[in-house]
Amino acid sequence: MKILNFELDTDLLQVNQNSLIDTMKLAVYDANLELFEQISFENDLAFSEPALFFYFLGKDLCLNVIRPHITRPSKTGSF
């Protein structure tokens, strides 16, 4: 598959996508067995949900991106 001037190896893309989904399955299993048991193990779409990525990766990442932009209120209560 070619997009603009880039050639994509679709087989490699699929292998990496499957590996990422397997990693998310393991992460959910380790973090919350009850939740893991409620999700169909065969449902790869559920394990590629962006909310799961945020749950495991986003908390720290989000804080690191947002923290420099947060201004603390002054003693007068205004920003």
Protein backbone atom coordinates (compact mmCIF):
# COMPACT_ATOMS: atom_id res chain seq x y z
CA MET A 1 0.00 0.00 0.00
CA LYS A 2 1.37 3.42 -0.90
CA ILE A 3 0.32 6.68 0.73
CA LEU A 4 1.90 9.80 -0.74
CA ASN A 5 5.59 8.87 -0.99
CA PHE A 6 5.46 6.23 1.74
CA GLU A 7 5.24 2.51 1.18
CA LEU A 8 3.37 0.65 3.92
CA ASP A 9 4.02 -2.98 4.66
CA THR A 10 0.48 -4.07 5.48
CA ASP A 11 1.63 -7.44 6.82
CA LEU A 12 3.98 -5.76 9.28
CA LEU A 13 1.26 -3.29 10.21
CA GLN A 14 -1.14 -6.14 11.01
CA VAL A 15 1.48 -8.01 13.07
CA ASN A 16 2.22 -4.89 15.12
CA GLN A 17 -1.47 -4.11 15.57
CA ASN A 18 -2.09 -7.64 16.84
CA SER A 19 0.88 -7.36 19.19
CA LEU A 20 -0.45 -4.10 20.60
CA ILE A 21 -3.91 -5.60 21.14
CA ASP A 22 -2.37 -8.62 22.90
CA THR A 23 -0.41 -6.24 25.13
CA MET A 24 -3.62 -4.38 26.02
CA LYS A 25 -5.36 -7.68 26.82
CA LEU A 26 -2.57 -8.56 29.23
CA ALA A 27 -2.62 -5.07 30.77
CA VAL A 28 -6.39 -5.23 31.40
CA TYR A 29 -6.05 -8.74 32.80
CA ASP A 30 -3.32 -7.62 35.21
CA ALA A 31 -5.08 -4.40 36.22
CA ASN A 32 -8.67 -5.53 36.60
CA LEU A 33 -9.60 -9.20 36.29
CA GLU A 34 -13.30 -8.46 36.81
CA LEU A 35 -13.33 -6.06 33.86
CA PHE A 36 -11.28 -8.49 31.77
CA GLU A 37 -13.85 -11.23 32.34
CA GLN A 38 -16.66 -8.95 31.12
CA ILE A 39 -14.98 -8.21 27.78
CA SER A 40 -15.00 -10.87 25.08
CA PHE A 41 -11.39 -11.98 24.67
CA GLU A 42 -11.95 -12.34 20.92
CA ASN A 43 -13.20 -8.74 20.57
CA ASP A 44 -10.03 -7.04 19.32
CA LEU A 45 -11.97 -3.82 18.71
CA ALA A 46 -12.71 -3.52 22.44
CA PHE A 47 -9.04 -3.97 23.31
CA SER A 48 -7.99 -1.33 20.80
CA GLU A 49 -10.32 1.25 22.34
CA PRO A 50 -8.49 4.60 22.80
CA ALA A 51 -9.92 4.92 26.32
CA LEU A 52 -7.91 1.88 27.38
CA PHE A 53 -4.73 3.44 26.04
CA PHE A 54 -5.48 6.61 28.02
CA TYR A 55 -6.19 4.56 31.14
CA PHE A 56 -2.78 2.88 31.01
CA LEU A 57 -0.63 5.51 29.31
CA GLY A 58 -2.52 8.76 29.31
CA LYS A 59 -2.64 9.73 32.95
CA ASP A 60 1.07 10.48 33.20
CA LEU A 61 1.36 11.59 29.59
CA CYS A 62 -1.57 13.97 29.95
CA LEU A 63 -0.14 15.48 33.12
CA ASN A 64 3.25 15.98 31.48
CA VAL A 65 1.68 17.75 28.51
CA ILE A 66 -0.81 19.86 30.47
CA ARG A 67 1.20 20.68 33.60
CA PRO A 68 3.41 23.36 31.95
CA HIS A 69 0.26 25.18 30.80
CA ILE A 70 -1.48 25.25 34.16
CA THR A 71 -1.28 28.54 35.95
CA ARG A 72 -1.75 28.60 39.66
CA PRO A 73 -4.26 31.05 41.10
CA SER A 74 -2.69 34.07 42.69
CA LYS A 75 -3.31 34.89 46.32
CA THR A 76 -6.10 37.25 45.22
CA GLY A 77 -7.98 34.35 43.67
CA SER A 78 -7.59 35.41 40.04
CA PHE A 79 -5.55 33.59 37.40
